[in-house]
Amino acid sequence: MNRAVTAVLVGSCLVAVALACTRVPVESDKPAPSSTGGAVVLAPSGSAVVITHGPITSAPHPIPLPAAMSAVPMGSGAAPAGSAGALPADMTWTAPPSFATVPNASTMRKATYKITKVAPDADDAEMSVLAASGGVAANVQRWEGQFGGAKAKTSERTVGGLKVTTVEIHGTYAGSGMPGAPSSGPKEKQVLLAAIVETEPEHFFKLVGGEKTVEKARPDFEKLVASFRAK
């Protein structure tokens, strides 16, 4: 009887040992203890916490992050306040004395100027100023259409921190087609001098007149452009 009991006990021990040897270790979600080393992780509060790999004798201490990292929530994609790139909404300028202010022919205009004619031109030149959308390329194309498809000469510059595109077109002018603008039929030997300022929306300075008149007004037109500044 004693021999049978002993055999059963020995067999049970062997089975237990075999099962212990074949158990697959399960990975823990927590860092395994270690005598050296550590890891830095980001806590929900936005600060970094050191997690040691050895026995923890005290609570981990938060490490403050730089302001540039802690100001923006992780994964939000938001840019810090005051980032560059926004266009100004308004601007100002100084008109030369030769540009006489006259009443606006349309409520869309911010200003209208008359430039006295120079012989043999039959009419005074006019500059209109308005703020509207549409972009540079589309408006240059529209002005070319007003001159029978004549090709515009354009150039870019920066004035007072504002991006400015100047436009020049020569030919027969058919009129602007804008509400309130006078329509006296096509005029030959006309010149358009214009400046498009990239604000939001854009500002358009459009001077149209006879060749001699516009040529004389060119230096004052350049002075006006040089006075552009954000408001």
C-alpha atoms as a PDB file:
ATOM      1  CA  MET A   1       0.000   0.000   0.000  1.00  0.00           C
ATOM      2  CA  ASN A   2       2.836   2.397   0.934  1.00  0.00           C
ATOM      3  CA  ARG A   3       4.539   1.747  -2.411  1.00  0.00           C
ATOM      4  CA  ALA A   4       1.327   2.594  -4.357  1.00  0.00           C
ATOM      5  CA  VAL A   5       0.836   5.852  -2.490  1.00  0.00           C
ATOM      6  CA  THR A   6       4.459   6.798  -3.065  1.00  0.00           C
ATOM      7  CA  ALA A   7       4.154   6.112  -6.817  1.00  0.00           C
ATOM      8  CA  VAL A   8       1.051   8.283  -7.084  1.00  0.00           C
ATOM      9  CA  LEU A   9       2.713  11.152  -5.240  1.00  0.00           C
ATOM     10  CA  VAL A  10       5.847  10.946  -7.422  1.00  0.00           C
ATOM     11  CA  GLY A  11       3.732  10.900 -10.597  1.00  0.00           C
ATOM     12  CA  SER A  12       1.780  13.996  -9.488  1.00  0.00           C
ATOM     13  CA  CYS A  13       4.975  15.885  -8.809  1.00  0.00           C
ATOM     14  CA  LEU A  14       6.361  15.001 -12.251  1.00  0.00           C
ATOM     15  CA  VAL A  15       3.178  16.249 -13.980  1.00  0.00           C
ATOM     16  CA  ALA A  16       3.294  19.523 -12.016  1.00  0.00           C
ATOM     17  CA  VAL A  17       6.931  20.083 -12.955  1.00  0.00           C
ATOM     18  CA  ALA A  18       6.195  19.390 -16.650  1.00  0.00           C
ATOM     19  CA  LEU A  19       3.304  21.854 -16.700  1.00  0.00           C
ATOM     20  CA  ALA A  20       5.417  24.564 -15.067  1.00  0.00           C
ATOM     21  CA  CYS A  21       8.164  24.110 -17.653  1.00  0.00           C
ATOM     22  CA  THR A  22       5.785  24.431 -20.627  1.00  0.00           C
ATOM     23  CA  ARG A  23       3.905  27.563 -19.447  1.00  0.00           C
ATOM     24  CA  VAL A  24       4.269  30.470 -21.871  1.00  0.00           C
ATOM     25  CA  PRO A  25       5.145  33.725 -20.081  1.00  0.00           C
ATOM     26  CA  VAL A  26       2.579  36.493 -20.547  1.00  0.00           C
ATOM     27  CA  GLU A  27       3.872  40.028 -21.239  1.00  0.00           C
ATOM     28  CA  SER A  28       2.797  42.583 -18.678  1.00  0.00           C
ATOM     29  CA  ASP A  29       1.473  46.029 -19.558  1.00  0.00           C
ATOM     30  CA  LYS A  30       3.755  47.471 -16.907  1.00  0.00           C
ATOM     31  CA  PRO A  31       7.517  48.013 -17.372  1.00  0.00           C
ATOM     32  CA  ALA A  32       9.574  45.134 -16.025  1.00  0.00           C
ATOM     33  CA  PRO A  33      11.692  46.027 -12.998  1.00  0.00           C
ATOM     34  CA  SER A  34      15.361  46.627 -13.744  1.00  0.00           C
ATOM     35  CA  SER A  35      18.292  47.875 -11.747  1.00  0.00           C
ATOM     36  CA  THR A  36      19.222  50.610 -14.232  1.00  0.00           C
ATOM     37  CA  GLY A  37      17.740  52.753 -17.001  1.00  0.00           C
ATOM     38  CA  GLY A  38      14.438  54.560 -17.389  1.00  0.00           C
ATOM     39  CA  ALA A  39      11.966  55.888 -19.917  1.00  0.00           C
ATOM     40  CA  VAL A  40      10.278  59.282 -20.464  1.00  0.00           C
ATOM     41  CA  VAL A  41       6.574  59.261 -21.333  1.00  0.00           C
ATOM     42  CA  LEU A  42       4.095  62.093 -21.892  1.00  0.00           C
ATOM     43  CA  ALA A  43       1.439  62.411 -19.211  1.00  0.00           C
ATOM     44  CA  PRO A  44      -2.107  63.555 -20.103  1.00  0.00           C
ATOM     45  CA  SER A  45      -1.388  66.905 -18.416  1.00  0.00           C
ATOM     46  CA  GLY A  46       1.198  67.720 -21.088  1.00  0.00           C
ATOM     47  CA  SER A  47       4.265  67.156 -18.887  1.00  0.00           C
ATOM     48  CA  ALA A  48       6.869  64.405 -19.155  1.00  0.00           C
ATOM     49  CA  VAL A  49       7.222  61.745 -16.442  1.00  0.00           C
ATOM     50  CA  VAL A  50      10.241  59.508 -15.876  1.00  0.00           C
ATOM     51  CA  ILE A  51       9.307  55.845 -15.448  1.00  0.00           C
ATOM     52  CA  THR A  52      12.190  53.935 -13.919  1.00  0.00           C
ATOM     53  CA  HIS A  53      12.906  50.324 -14.720  1.00  0.00           C
ATOM     54  CA  GLY A  54      14.120  49.527 -11.249  1.00  0.00           C
ATOM     55  CA  PRO A  55      12.412  49.447  -7.870  1.00  0.00           C
ATOM     56  CA  ILE A  56      10.432  52.683  -7.414  1.00  0.00           C
ATOM     57  CA  THR A  57      11.173  54.158  -4.010  1.00  0.00           C
ATOM     58  CA  SER A  58       9.155  57.366  -4.552  1.00  0.00           C
ATOM     59  CA  ALA A  59       6.479  58.747  -6.894  1.00  0.00           C
ATOM     60  CA  PRO A  60       7.768  59.864 -10.351  1.00  0.00           C
ATOM     61  CA  HIS A  61       8.354  63.598 -10.687  1.00  0.00           C
ATOM     62  CA  PRO A  62       6.869  65.528 -13.683  1.00  0.00           C
ATOM     63  CA  ILE A  63       9.428  67.241 -15.926  1.00  0.00           C
ATOM     64  CA  PRO A  64       8.043  70.552 -17.309  1.00  0.00           C
ATOM     65  CA  LEU A  65       8.074  70.703 -21.095  1.00  0.00           C
ATOM     66  CA  PRO A  66       9.167  73.818 -23.060  1.00  0.00           C
ATOM     67  CA  ALA A  67       6.347  76.313 -23.626  1.00  0.00           C
ATOM     68  CA  ALA A  68       6.352  75.686 -27.375  1.00  0.00           C
ATOM     69  CA  MET A  69       5.543  71.997 -26.787  1.00  0.00           C
ATOM     70  CA  SER A  70       3.020  72.369 -23.986  1.00  0.00           C
ATOM     71  CA  ALA A  71       1.038  75.224 -25.628  1.00  0.00           C
ATOM     72  CA  VAL A  72      -0.406  73.028 -28.379  1.00  0.00           C
ATOM     73  CA  PRO A  73      -2.380  69.853 -27.490  1.00  0.00           C
ATOM     74  CA  MET A  74      -0.858  66.699 -28.894  1.00  0.00           C
ATOM     75  CA  GLY A  75      -2.422  65.742 -32.236  1.00  0.00           C
ATOM     76  CA  SER A  76      -4.604  68.842 -32.435  1.00  0.00           C
ATOM     77  CA  GLY A  77      -2.817  70.292 -35.466  1.00  0.00           C
ATOM     78  CA  ALA A  78      -3.480  73.812 -34.182  1.00  0.00           C
ATOM     79  CA  ALA A  79      -0.867  76.484 -34.845  1.00  0.00           C
ATOM     80  CA  PRO A  80       0.305  78.816 -32.092  1.00  0.00           C
ATOM     81  CA  ALA A  81      -1.495  82.148 -31.941  1.00  0.00           C
ATOM     82  CA  GLY A  82       0.074  84.993 -33.876  1.00  0.00           C
ATOM     83  CA  SER A  83       1.426  82.838 -36.702  1.00  0.00           C
ATOM     84  CA  ALA A  84       2.473  84.697 -39.844  1.00  0.00           C
ATOM     85  CA  GLY A  85       0.781  84.530 -43.231  1.00  0.00           C
ATOM     86  CA  ALA A  86      -2.510  86.403 -42.774  1.00  0.00           C
ATOM     87  CA  LEU A  87      -3.194  89.218 -45.264  1.00  0.00           C
ATOM     88  CA  PRO A  88      -4.220  92.653 -43.964  1.00  0.00           C
ATOM     89  CA  ALA A  89      -7.879  93.537 -44.418  1.00  0.00           C
ATOM     90  CA  ASP A  90      -7.322  97.203 -45.255  1.00  0.00           C
ATOM     91  CA  MET A  91      -4.645  99.600 -46.466  1.00  0.00           C
ATOM     92  CA  THR A  92      -3.979 103.280 -46.964  1.00  0.00           C
ATOM     93  CA  TRP A  93      -2.108 105.455 -49.468  1.00  0.00           C
ATOM     94  CA  THR A  94      -1.232 109.065 -50.276  1.00  0.00           C
ATOM     95  CA  ALA A  95      -2.489 110.532 -53.563  1.00  0.00           C
ATOM     96  CA  PRO A  96      -0.223 113.096 -55.293  1.00  0.00           C
ATOM     97  CA  PRO A  97      -1.544 116.671 -55.755  1.00  0.00           C
ATOM     98  CA  SER A  98      -2.047 116.117 -59.491  1.00  0.00           C
ATOM     99  CA  PHE A  99      -4.659 113.446 -58.718  1.00  0.00           C
ATOM    100  CA  ALA A 100      -7.804 115.459 -57.985  1.00  0.00           C
ATOM    101  CA  THR A 101     -10.407 113.715 -55.805  1.00  0.00           C
ATOM    102  CA  VAL A 102     -13.896 113.564 -57.365  1.00  0.00           C
ATOM    103  CA  PRO A 103     -17.191 111.893 -56.320  1.00  0.00           C
ATOM    104  CA  ASN A 104     -17.339 108.135 -56.771  1.00  0.00           C
ATOM    105  CA  ALA A 105     -19.402 106.949 -59.736  1.00  0.00           C
ATOM    106  CA  SER A 106     -20.246 103.734 -57.881  1.00  0.00           C
ATOM    107  CA  THR A 107     -20.711 102.665 -54.268  1.00  0.00           C
ATOM    108  CA  MET A 108     -18.187  99.911 -54.974  1.00  0.00           C
ATOM    109  CA  ARG A 109     -15.392 102.487 -55.189  1.00  0.00           C
ATOM    110  CA  LYS A 110     -13.304 103.647 -52.264  1.00  0.00           C
ATOM    111  CA  ALA A 111     -11.934 106.651 -54.191  1.00  0.00           C
ATOM    112  CA  THR A 112     -11.928 108.256 -57.650  1.00  0.00           C
ATOM    113  CA  TYR A 113      -9.281 110.615 -59.039  1.00  0.00           C
ATOM    114  CA  LYS A 114      -9.160 112.784 -62.171  1.00  0.00           C
ATOM    115  CA  ILE A 115      -5.900 113.589 -63.973  1.00  0.00           C
ATOM    116  CA  THR A 116      -5.975 116.636 -66.242  1.00  0.00           C
ATOM    117  CA  LYS A 117      -5.673 115.790 -69.937  1.00  0.00           C
ATOM    118  CA  VAL A 118      -2.606 116.554 -72.034  1.00  0.00           C
ATOM    119  CA  ALA A 119      -3.006 117.513 -75.722  1.00  0.00           C
ATOM    120  CA  PRO A 120      -3.825 115.924 -78.070  1.00  0.00           C
ATOM    121  CA  ASP A 121      -5.859 113.681 -75.716  1.00  0.00           C
ATOM    122  CA  ALA A 122      -9.535 114.643 -75.723  1.00  0.00           C
ATOM    123  CA  ASP A 123     -10.440 113.569 -72.174  1.00  0.00           C
ATOM    124  CA  ASP A 124      -9.079 113.612 -68.654  1.00  0.00           C
ATOM    125  CA  ALA A 125      -7.698 110.358 -67.316  1.00  0.00           C
ATOM    126  CA  GLU A 126      -9.397 108.655 -64.380  1.00  0.00           C
ATOM    127  CA  MET A 127      -8.193 106.412 -61.596  1.00  0.00           C
ATOM    128  CA  SER A 128     -10.671 104.247 -59.671  1.00  0.00           C
ATOM    129  CA  VAL A 129      -9.876 102.533 -56.365  1.00  0.00           C
ATOM    130  CA  LEU A 130     -11.936  99.644 -55.050  1.00  0.00           C
ATOM    131  CA  ALA A 131     -11.604  96.589 -52.831  1.00  0.00           C
ATOM    132  CA  ALA A 132     -12.948  93.373 -54.351  1.00  0.00           C
ATOM    133  CA  SER A 133     -12.188  89.677 -54.707  1.00  0.00           C
ATOM    134  CA  GLY A 134     -11.199  87.726 -57.788  1.00  0.00           C
ATOM    135  CA  GLY A 135      -7.440  87.410 -57.657  1.00  0.00           C
ATOM    136  CA  VAL A 136      -4.658  88.951 -59.717  1.00  0.00           C
ATOM    137  CA  ALA A 137      -4.672  86.707 -62.805  1.00  0.00           C
ATOM    138  CA  ALA A 138      -8.444  86.837 -63.365  1.00  0.00           C
ATOM    139  CA  ASN A 139      -8.566  90.622 -63.177  1.00  0.00           C
ATOM    140  CA  VAL A 140      -5.566  91.097 -65.470  1.00  0.00           C
ATOM    141  CA  GLN A 141      -7.304  88.842 -67.990  1.00  0.00           C
ATOM    142  CA  ARG A 142     -10.516  90.874 -67.649  1.00  0.00           C
ATOM    143  CA  TRP A 143      -8.632  94.126 -68.286  1.00  0.00           C
ATOM    144  CA  GLU A 144      -6.973  92.606 -71.353  1.00  0.00           C
ATOM    145  CA  GLY A 145     -10.488  91.865 -72.649  1.00  0.00           C
ATOM    146  CA  GLN A 146     -11.411  95.531 -72.213  1.00  0.00           C
ATOM    147  CA  PHE A 147      -8.507  96.346 -74.544  1.00  0.00           C
ATOM    148  CA  GLY A 148      -9.525  93.876 -77.235  1.00  0.00           C
ATOM    149  CA  GLY A 149      -7.233  91.131 -75.970  1.00  0.00           C
ATOM    150  CA  ALA A 150      -4.060  93.244 -75.915  1.00  0.00           C
ATOM    151  CA  LYS A 151      -1.345  91.582 -73.830  1.00  0.00           C
ATOM    152  CA  ALA A 152      -0.668  93.122 -70.430  1.00  0.00           C
ATOM    153  CA  LYS A 153       2.796  93.862 -69.093  1.00  0.00           C
ATOM    154  CA  THR A 154       3.010  92.929 -65.411  1.00  0.00           C
ATOM    155  CA  SER A 155       5.618  93.121 -62.666  1.00  0.00           C
ATOM    156  CA  GLU A 156       5.665  92.351 -58.944  1.00  0.00           C
ATOM    157  CA  ARG A 157       7.143  94.223 -56.007  1.00  0.00           C
ATOM    158  CA  THR A 158       6.734  94.567 -52.246  1.00  0.00           C
ATOM    159  CA  VAL A 159       5.735  97.968 -50.878  1.00  0.00           C
ATOM    160  CA  GLY A 160       5.288  98.642 -47.160  1.00  0.00           C
ATOM    161  CA  GLY A 161       5.105  94.902 -46.520  1.00  0.00           C
ATOM    162  CA  LEU A 162       2.346  94.500 -49.151  1.00  0.00           C
ATOM    163  CA  LYS A 163       2.682  92.418 -52.319  1.00  0.00           C
ATOM    164  CA  VAL A 164       1.844  94.609 -55.340  1.00  0.00           C
ATOM    165  CA  THR A 165       1.376  93.640 -58.991  1.00  0.00           C
ATOM    166  CA  THR A 166       1.576  96.533 -61.475  1.00  0.00           C
ATOM    167  CA  VAL A 167      -0.158  96.197 -64.832  1.00  0.00           C
ATOM    168  CA  GLU A 168       0.209  98.152 -68.076  1.00  0.00           C
ATOM    169  CA  ILE A 169      -1.878  97.738 -71.245  1.00  0.00           C
ATOM    170  CA  HIS A 170      -1.934  99.805 -74.484  1.00  0.00           C
ATOM    171  CA  GLY A 171      -4.603  99.822 -77.182  1.00  0.00           C
ATOM    172  CA  THR A 172      -8.252 100.591 -77.828  1.00  0.00           C
ATOM    173  CA  TYR A 173     -10.248 100.763 -74.605  1.00  0.00           C
ATOM    174  CA  ALA A 174     -13.857  99.543 -74.780  1.00  0.00           C
ATOM    175  CA  GLY A 175     -14.801 100.604 -71.229  1.00  0.00           C
ATOM    176  CA  SER A 176     -14.900  98.837 -67.889  1.00  0.00           C
ATOM    177  CA  GLY A 177     -18.468  97.544 -68.071  1.00  0.00           C
ATOM    178  CA  MET A 178     -18.875  98.271 -64.355  1.00  0.00           C
ATOM    179  CA  PRO A 179     -22.230  99.591 -63.060  1.00  0.00           C
ATOM    180  CA  GLY A 180     -22.190 103.397 -62.857  1.00  0.00           C
ATOM    181  CA  ALA A 181     -19.161 103.759 -65.137  1.00  0.00           C
ATOM    182  CA  PRO A 182     -19.585 106.065 -68.152  1.00  0.00           C
ATOM    183  CA  SER A 183     -19.810 104.400 -71.565  1.00  0.00           C
ATOM    184  CA  SER A 184     -18.806 106.555 -74.515  1.00  0.00           C
ATOM    185  CA  GLY A 185     -17.770 103.819 -76.918  1.00  0.00           C
ATOM    186  CA  PRO A 186     -14.289 102.493 -77.702  1.00  0.00           C
ATOM    187  CA  LYS A 187     -11.383 104.930 -77.453  1.00  0.00           C
ATOM    188  CA  GLU A 188      -8.156 104.509 -79.379  1.00  0.00           C
ATOM    189  CA  LYS A 189      -4.624 105.153 -78.141  1.00  0.00           C
ATOM    190  CA  GLN A 190      -5.486 104.517 -74.521  1.00  0.00           C
ATOM    191  CA  VAL A 191      -3.265 103.244 -71.702  1.00  0.00           C
ATOM    192  CA  LEU A 192      -4.086 101.385 -68.512  1.00  0.00           C
ATOM    193  CA  LEU A 193      -1.766 101.705 -65.529  1.00  0.00           C
ATOM    194  CA  ALA A 194      -2.911  99.677 -62.555  1.00  0.00           C
ATOM    195  CA  ALA A 195      -1.747  98.282 -59.247  1.00  0.00           C
ATOM    196  CA  ILE A 196      -3.274  95.247 -57.544  1.00  0.00           C
ATOM    197  CA  VAL A 197      -2.501  95.030 -53.831  1.00  0.00           C
ATOM    198  CA  GLU A 198      -2.825  91.619 -52.175  1.00  0.00           C
ATOM    199  CA  THR A 199      -4.966  92.437 -49.169  1.00  0.00           C
ATOM    200  CA  GLU A 200      -8.114  90.543 -48.109  1.00  0.00           C
ATOM    201  CA  PRO A 201      -9.948  91.355 -50.311  1.00  0.00           C
ATOM    202  CA  GLU A 202      -7.582  92.803 -52.929  1.00  0.00           C
ATOM    203  CA  HIS A 203      -7.317  96.542 -53.607  1.00  0.00           C
ATOM    204  CA  PHE A 204      -7.377  97.678 -57.250  1.00  0.00           C
ATOM    205  CA  PHE A 205      -5.927 101.015 -58.418  1.00  0.00           C
ATOM    206  CA  LYS A 206      -6.864 101.399 -62.085  1.00  0.00           C
ATOM    207  CA  LEU A 207      -5.775 104.450 -64.112  1.00  0.00           C
ATOM    208  CA  VAL A 208      -7.034 104.746 -67.702  1.00  0.00           C
ATOM    209  CA  GLY A 209      -6.530 107.638 -70.128  1.00  0.00           C
ATOM    210  CA  GLY A 210      -4.960 108.854 -73.336  1.00  0.00           C
ATOM    211  CA  GLU A 211      -1.352 107.991 -74.082  1.00  0.00           C
ATOM    212  CA  LYS A 212       0.059 111.509 -73.496  1.00  0.00           C
ATOM    213  CA  THR A 213      -1.940 112.074 -70.317  1.00  0.00           C
ATOM    214  CA  VAL A 214      -1.033 108.754 -68.747  1.00  0.00           C
ATOM    215  CA  GLU A 215       2.618 109.114 -69.688  1.00  0.00           C
ATOM    216  CA  LYS A 216       2.796 112.467 -67.908  1.00  0.00           C
ATOM    217  CA  ALA A 217       1.010 110.982 -64.873  1.00  0.00           C
ATOM    218  CA  ARG A 218       3.342 107.976 -64.664  1.00  0.00           C
ATOM    219  CA  PRO A 219       5.814 109.496 -62.132  1.00  0.00           C
ATOM    220  CA  ASP A 220       2.935 110.484 -59.821  1.00  0.00           C
ATOM    221  CA  PHE A 221       1.400 107.031 -60.245  1.00  0.00           C
ATOM    222  CA  GLU A 222       4.702 105.539 -59.057  1.00  0.00           C
ATOM    223  CA  LYS A 223       4.715 107.903 -56.049  1.00  0.00           C
ATOM    224  CA  LEU A 224       1.212 106.734 -55.142  1.00  0.00           C
ATOM    225  CA  VAL A 225       2.272 103.081 -55.343  1.00  0.00           C
ATOM    226  CA  ALA A 226       5.333 103.818 -53.196  1.00  0.00           C
ATOM    227  CA  SER A 227       3.024 105.181 -50.466  1.00  0.00           C
ATOM    228  CA  PHE A 228       1.074 101.918 -50.015  1.00  0.00           C
ATOM    229  CA  ARG A 229       0.991 100.571 -46.460  1.00  0.00           C
ATOM    230  CA  ALA A 230      -1.190  98.292 -44.379  1.00  0.00           C
ATOM    231  CA  LYS A 231      -3.806  99.993 -42.247  1.00  0.00           C
END
